[in-house]
Amino acid sequence: MNLSKFLLAVALFAFSFAALAGNPAVYEKSAKLPLVKAVKLVSQKLDDAGYAVVDELAISENLKRMAKKWGEDYNRNQLEGITSLVFCSGWYVNQVSNLDPALLGLCPLHVTLTHKAGVTTVLFNRPTAIAAGSPAEKVLREVEDEVTQAIEAALNAK
């Protein structure tokens, strides 16, 4: 194999690997759990970590109402369920408001749980992806760490 073919192969491999790596701004954790059970566990662990879960949205149930209107464009990924949990912590809101009020749009936070083929996946948009360079970055890193630890604990508890 000549050098140009070798370099092309390496580049294609690297590109393919990067594409599989997902979005670094989104934390993602999956487990073989029913959606309802995962929602309950994640909600409890967020509460245990000091975050008030203020709403639970059954997104997939709302989307089903649009299936006929959207036709073949409805649920192309064949997700069997989508639920979001909306949550917040008064402590972190106060800290962010003191350090960088422009980032108060991060409260409330949310996680979205999807379910397909027996596997539930929790998705969490990392606050640090938005807060980079902000005076509130350190506080939001703590929040991100607490939330991801709560998700890990929930999905590992099964």
C-alpha atoms as a PDB file:
ATOM      1  CA  MET A   1       0.000   0.000   0.000  1.00  0.00           C
ATOM      2  CA  ASN A   2       1.442   3.365  -0.921  1.00  0.00           C
ATOM      3  CA  LEU A   3       1.595   6.268   1.519  1.00  0.00           C
ATOM      4  CA  SER A   4      -1.338   8.214   0.053  1.00  0.00           C
ATOM      5  CA  LYS A   5      -3.681   5.201   0.327  1.00  0.00           C
ATOM      6  CA  PHE A   6      -2.495   4.585   3.884  1.00  0.00           C
ATOM      7  CA  LEU A   7      -3.112   8.222   4.883  1.00  0.00           C
ATOM      8  CA  LEU A   8      -6.539   8.148   3.246  1.00  0.00           C
ATOM      9  CA  ALA A   9      -7.422   4.987   5.183  1.00  0.00           C
ATOM     10  CA  VAL A  10      -6.266   6.564   8.455  1.00  0.00           C
ATOM     11  CA  ALA A  11      -8.266   9.736   7.740  1.00  0.00           C
ATOM     12  CA  LEU A  12     -11.416   7.752   6.949  1.00  0.00           C
ATOM     13  CA  PHE A  13     -11.011   5.702  10.126  1.00  0.00           C
ATOM     14  CA  ALA A  14     -10.533   8.839  12.241  1.00  0.00           C
ATOM     15  CA  PHE A  15     -13.560  10.510  10.657  1.00  0.00           C
ATOM     16  CA  SER A  16     -15.701   7.418  11.191  1.00  0.00           C
ATOM     17  CA  PHE A  17     -14.638   7.152  14.830  1.00  0.00           C
ATOM     18  CA  ALA A  18     -15.379  10.845  15.436  1.00  0.00           C
ATOM     19  CA  ALA A  19     -18.835  10.441  13.920  1.00  0.00           C
ATOM     20  CA  LEU A  20     -19.576   7.567  16.314  1.00  0.00           C
ATOM     21  CA  ALA A  21     -18.352   9.520  19.335  1.00  0.00           C
ATOM     22  CA  GLY A  22     -21.532  11.615  19.526  1.00  0.00           C
ATOM     23  CA  ASN A  23     -21.877  15.222  20.538  1.00  0.00           C
ATOM     24  CA  PRO A  24     -19.481  16.214  23.345  1.00  0.00           C
ATOM     25  CA  ALA A  25     -21.986  18.851  24.499  1.00  0.00           C
ATOM     26  CA  VAL A  26     -24.515  16.118  25.309  1.00  0.00           C
ATOM     27  CA  TYR A  27     -24.047  13.609  28.118  1.00  0.00           C
ATOM     28  CA  GLU A  28     -25.588  10.263  27.175  1.00  0.00           C
ATOM     29  CA  LYS A  29     -26.132   7.150  29.301  1.00  0.00           C
ATOM     30  CA  SER A  30     -28.125   4.042  28.376  1.00  0.00           C
ATOM     31  CA  ALA A  31     -29.426   1.020  30.280  1.00  0.00           C
ATOM     32  CA  LYS A  32     -31.713  -1.924  29.643  1.00  0.00           C
ATOM     33  CA  LEU A  33     -34.635  -0.529  31.618  1.00  0.00           C
ATOM     34  CA  PRO A  34     -38.278   0.211  30.905  1.00  0.00           C
ATOM     35  CA  LEU A  35     -38.819   3.931  30.316  1.00  0.00           C
ATOM     36  CA  VAL A  36     -41.247   4.323  33.230  1.00  0.00           C
ATOM     37  CA  LYS A  37     -38.780   2.759  35.667  1.00  0.00           C
ATOM     38  CA  ALA A  38     -35.860   4.846  34.365  1.00  0.00           C
ATOM     39  CA  VAL A  39     -37.907   8.050  34.682  1.00  0.00           C
ATOM     40  CA  LYS A  40     -38.768   7.176  38.292  1.00  0.00           C
ATOM     41  CA  LEU A  41     -35.145   6.314  39.170  1.00  0.00           C
ATOM     42  CA  VAL A  42     -33.649   9.416  37.528  1.00  0.00           C
ATOM     43  CA  SER A  43     -36.264  11.653  39.155  1.00  0.00           C
ATOM     44  CA  GLN A  44     -35.507  10.157  42.585  1.00  0.00           C
ATOM     45  CA  LYS A  45     -31.732  10.492  42.195  1.00  0.00           C
ATOM     46  CA  LEU A  46     -32.063  14.119  41.047  1.00  0.00           C
ATOM     47  CA  ASP A  47     -34.224  14.786  44.105  1.00  0.00           C
ATOM     48  CA  ASP A  48     -31.660  13.036  46.329  1.00  0.00           C
ATOM     49  CA  ALA A  49     -28.979  15.332  44.863  1.00  0.00           C
ATOM     50  CA  GLY A  50     -30.978  18.431  45.837  1.00  0.00           C
ATOM     51  CA  TYR A  51     -32.730  19.184  42.551  1.00  0.00           C
ATOM     52  CA  ALA A  52     -36.463  19.752  42.540  1.00  0.00           C
ATOM     53  CA  VAL A  53     -38.096  17.925  39.640  1.00  0.00           C
ATOM     54  CA  VAL A  54     -40.851  20.378  38.759  1.00  0.00           C
ATOM     55  CA  ASP A  55     -42.356  18.652  35.733  1.00  0.00           C
ATOM     56  CA  GLU A  56     -42.454  15.396  33.820  1.00  0.00           C
ATOM     57  CA  LEU A  57     -43.417  15.687  30.173  1.00  0.00           C
ATOM     58  CA  ALA A  58     -44.562  12.643  28.204  1.00  0.00           C
ATOM     59  CA  ILE A  59     -43.344  14.050  24.892  1.00  0.00           C
ATOM     60  CA  SER A  60     -44.012  10.917  22.850  1.00  0.00           C
ATOM     61  CA  GLU A  61     -47.661  10.949  23.936  1.00  0.00           C
ATOM     62  CA  ASN A  62     -48.029  14.513  22.653  1.00  0.00           C
ATOM     63  CA  LEU A  63     -46.268  13.675  19.383  1.00  0.00           C
ATOM     64  CA  LYS A  64     -48.607  10.730  18.724  1.00  0.00           C
ATOM     65  CA  ARG A  65     -51.415  13.231  18.221  1.00  0.00           C
ATOM     66  CA  MET A  66     -49.574  14.544  15.167  1.00  0.00           C
ATOM     67  CA  ALA A  67     -48.827  11.166  13.545  1.00  0.00           C
ATOM     68  CA  LYS A  68     -51.561  11.421  10.929  1.00  0.00           C
ATOM     69  CA  LYS A  69     -50.720  15.020  10.045  1.00  0.00           C
ATOM     70  CA  TRP A  70     -46.985  14.340   9.733  1.00  0.00           C
ATOM     71  CA  GLY A  71     -47.411  11.041   7.896  1.00  0.00           C
ATOM     72  CA  GLU A  72     -44.161   9.310   6.968  1.00  0.00           C
ATOM     73  CA  ASP A  73     -42.215  12.089   8.677  1.00  0.00           C
ATOM     74  CA  TYR A  74     -43.556  10.982  12.077  1.00  0.00           C
ATOM     75  CA  ASN A  75     -41.086   9.181  14.367  1.00  0.00           C
ATOM     76  CA  ARG A  76     -38.625   8.054  11.709  1.00  0.00           C
ATOM     77  CA  ASN A  77     -36.250   6.671  14.356  1.00  0.00           C
ATOM     78  CA  GLN A  78     -39.031   4.462  15.737  1.00  0.00           C
ATOM     79  CA  LEU A  79     -38.548   5.662  19.308  1.00  0.00           C
ATOM     80  CA  GLU A  80     -40.998   3.881  21.585  1.00  0.00           C
ATOM     81  CA  GLY A  81     -41.071   6.642  24.179  1.00  0.00           C
ATOM     82  CA  ILE A  82     -39.738  10.118  24.951  1.00  0.00           C
ATOM     83  CA  THR A  83     -40.070  11.743  28.378  1.00  0.00           C
ATOM     84  CA  SER A  84     -38.414  14.870  29.766  1.00  0.00           C
ATOM     85  CA  LEU A  85     -37.814  15.779  33.390  1.00  0.00           C
ATOM     86  CA  VAL A  86     -37.578  19.488  34.183  1.00  0.00           C
ATOM     87  CA  PHE A  87     -35.629  20.330  37.338  1.00  0.00           C
ATOM     88  CA  CYS A  88     -33.823  23.099  39.183  1.00  0.00           C
ATOM     89  CA  SER A  89     -31.887  23.955  42.329  1.00  0.00           C
ATOM     90  CA  GLY A  90     -32.400  27.245  44.120  1.00  0.00           C
ATOM     91  CA  TRP A  91     -28.785  27.221  45.294  1.00  0.00           C
ATOM     92  CA  TYR A  92     -27.327  27.040  41.824  1.00  0.00           C
ATOM     93  CA  VAL A  93     -29.796  29.620  40.450  1.00  0.00           C
ATOM     94  CA  ASN A  94     -28.646  32.043  43.143  1.00  0.00           C
ATOM     95  CA  GLN A  95     -24.976  31.352  42.406  1.00  0.00           C
ATOM     96  CA  VAL A  96     -25.408  31.789  38.647  1.00  0.00           C
ATOM     97  CA  SER A  97     -27.433  34.981  39.162  1.00  0.00           C
ATOM     98  CA  ASN A  98     -24.575  36.353  41.276  1.00  0.00           C
ATOM     99  CA  LEU A  99     -21.837  35.341  38.828  1.00  0.00           C
ATOM    100  CA  ASP A 100     -23.342  35.614  35.338  1.00  0.00           C
ATOM    101  CA  PRO A 101     -27.047  36.513  35.118  1.00  0.00           C
ATOM    102  CA  ALA A 102     -26.975  35.997  31.342  1.00  0.00           C
ATOM    103  CA  LEU A 103     -26.768  32.253  32.013  1.00  0.00           C
ATOM    104  CA  LEU A 104     -29.990  32.142  34.026  1.00  0.00           C
ATOM    105  CA  GLY A 105     -31.560  30.706  30.881  1.00  0.00           C
ATOM    106  CA  LEU A 106     -30.068  27.407  32.057  1.00  0.00           C
ATOM    107  CA  CYS A 107     -32.708  27.163  34.759  1.00  0.00           C
ATOM    108  CA  PRO A 108     -34.662  25.092  34.708  1.00  0.00           C
ATOM    109  CA  LEU A 109     -32.481  22.298  33.424  1.00  0.00           C
ATOM    110  CA  HIS A 110     -33.879  19.149  31.847  1.00  0.00           C
ATOM    111  CA  VAL A 111     -32.992  15.613  30.888  1.00  0.00           C
ATOM    112  CA  THR A 112     -34.717  13.743  28.098  1.00  0.00           C
ATOM    113  CA  LEU A 113     -35.167   9.988  28.244  1.00  0.00           C
ATOM    114  CA  THR A 114     -35.772   7.994  25.077  1.00  0.00           C
ATOM    115  CA  HIS A 115     -36.699   4.333  24.802  1.00  0.00           C
ATOM    116  CA  LYS A 116     -36.184   1.864  21.971  1.00  0.00           C
ATOM    117  CA  ALA A 117     -35.817  -1.928  21.837  1.00  0.00           C
ATOM    118  CA  GLY A 118     -35.699  -2.363  25.614  1.00  0.00           C
ATOM    119  CA  VAL A 119     -33.044   0.312  26.151  1.00  0.00           C
ATOM    120  CA  THR A 120     -33.640   3.685  27.779  1.00  0.00           C
ATOM    121  CA  THR A 121     -31.171   6.480  27.060  1.00  0.00           C
ATOM    122  CA  VAL A 122     -30.845   9.625  29.170  1.00  0.00           C
ATOM    123  CA  LEU A 123     -29.681  12.774  27.371  1.00  0.00           C
ATOM    124  CA  PHE A 124     -28.434  15.845  29.248  1.00  0.00           C
ATOM    125  CA  ASN A 125     -27.174  19.009  27.569  1.00  0.00           C
ATOM    126  CA  ARG A 126     -23.991  19.905  29.408  1.00  0.00           C
ATOM    127  CA  PRO A 127     -24.202  23.398  30.973  1.00  0.00           C
ATOM    128  CA  THR A 128     -20.423  23.732  30.654  1.00  0.00           C
ATOM    129  CA  ALA A 129     -20.777  23.668  26.871  1.00  0.00           C
ATOM    130  CA  ILE A 130     -22.537  27.027  27.150  1.00  0.00           C
ATOM    131  CA  ALA A 131     -20.678  28.387  30.189  1.00  0.00           C
ATOM    132  CA  ALA A 132     -17.119  28.071  28.841  1.00  0.00           C
ATOM    133  CA  GLY A 133     -15.196  31.160  29.926  1.00  0.00           C
ATOM    134  CA  SER A 134     -18.050  32.477  32.078  1.00  0.00           C
ATOM    135  CA  PRO A 135     -17.561  33.500  35.716  1.00  0.00           C
ATOM    136  CA  ALA A 136     -20.268  30.900  36.458  1.00  0.00           C
ATOM    137  CA  GLU A 137     -18.408  28.066  34.724  1.00  0.00           C
ATOM    138  CA  LYS A 138     -17.117  26.536  37.973  1.00  0.00           C
ATOM    139  CA  VAL A 139     -20.581  26.447  39.560  1.00  0.00           C
ATOM    140  CA  LEU A 140     -22.103  24.999  36.407  1.00  0.00           C
ATOM    141  CA  ARG A 141     -19.386  22.348  36.275  1.00  0.00           C
ATOM    142  CA  GLU A 142     -20.451  21.321  39.802  1.00  0.00           C
ATOM    143  CA  VAL A 143     -24.074  21.187  38.643  1.00  0.00           C
ATOM    144  CA  GLU A 144     -23.119  19.118  35.607  1.00  0.00           C
ATOM    145  CA  ASP A 145     -21.113  16.714  37.759  1.00  0.00           C
ATOM    146  CA  GLU A 146     -23.972  16.309  40.253  1.00  0.00           C
ATOM    147  CA  VAL A 147     -26.549  15.706  37.541  1.00  0.00           C
ATOM    148  CA  THR A 148     -24.414  13.209  35.623  1.00  0.00           C
ATOM    149  CA  GLN A 149     -23.643  11.380  38.878  1.00  0.00           C
ATOM    150  CA  ALA A 150     -27.374  11.225  39.644  1.00  0.00           C
ATOM    151  CA  ILE A 151     -28.047   9.782  36.181  1.00  0.00           C
ATOM    152  CA  GLU A 152     -25.249   7.227  36.604  1.00  0.00           C
ATOM    153  CA  ALA A 153     -26.589   6.202  40.020  1.00  0.00           C
ATOM    154  CA  ALA A 154     -30.131   5.879  38.668  1.00  0.00           C
ATOM    155  CA  LEU A 155     -29.245   3.743  35.670  1.00  0.00           C
ATOM    156  CA  ASN A 156     -26.771   1.615  37.600  1.00  0.00           C
ATOM    157  CA  ALA A 157     -29.353   0.961  40.360  1.00  0.00           C
ATOM    158  CA  LYS A 158     -31.737  -0.892  38.029  1.00  0.00           C
END
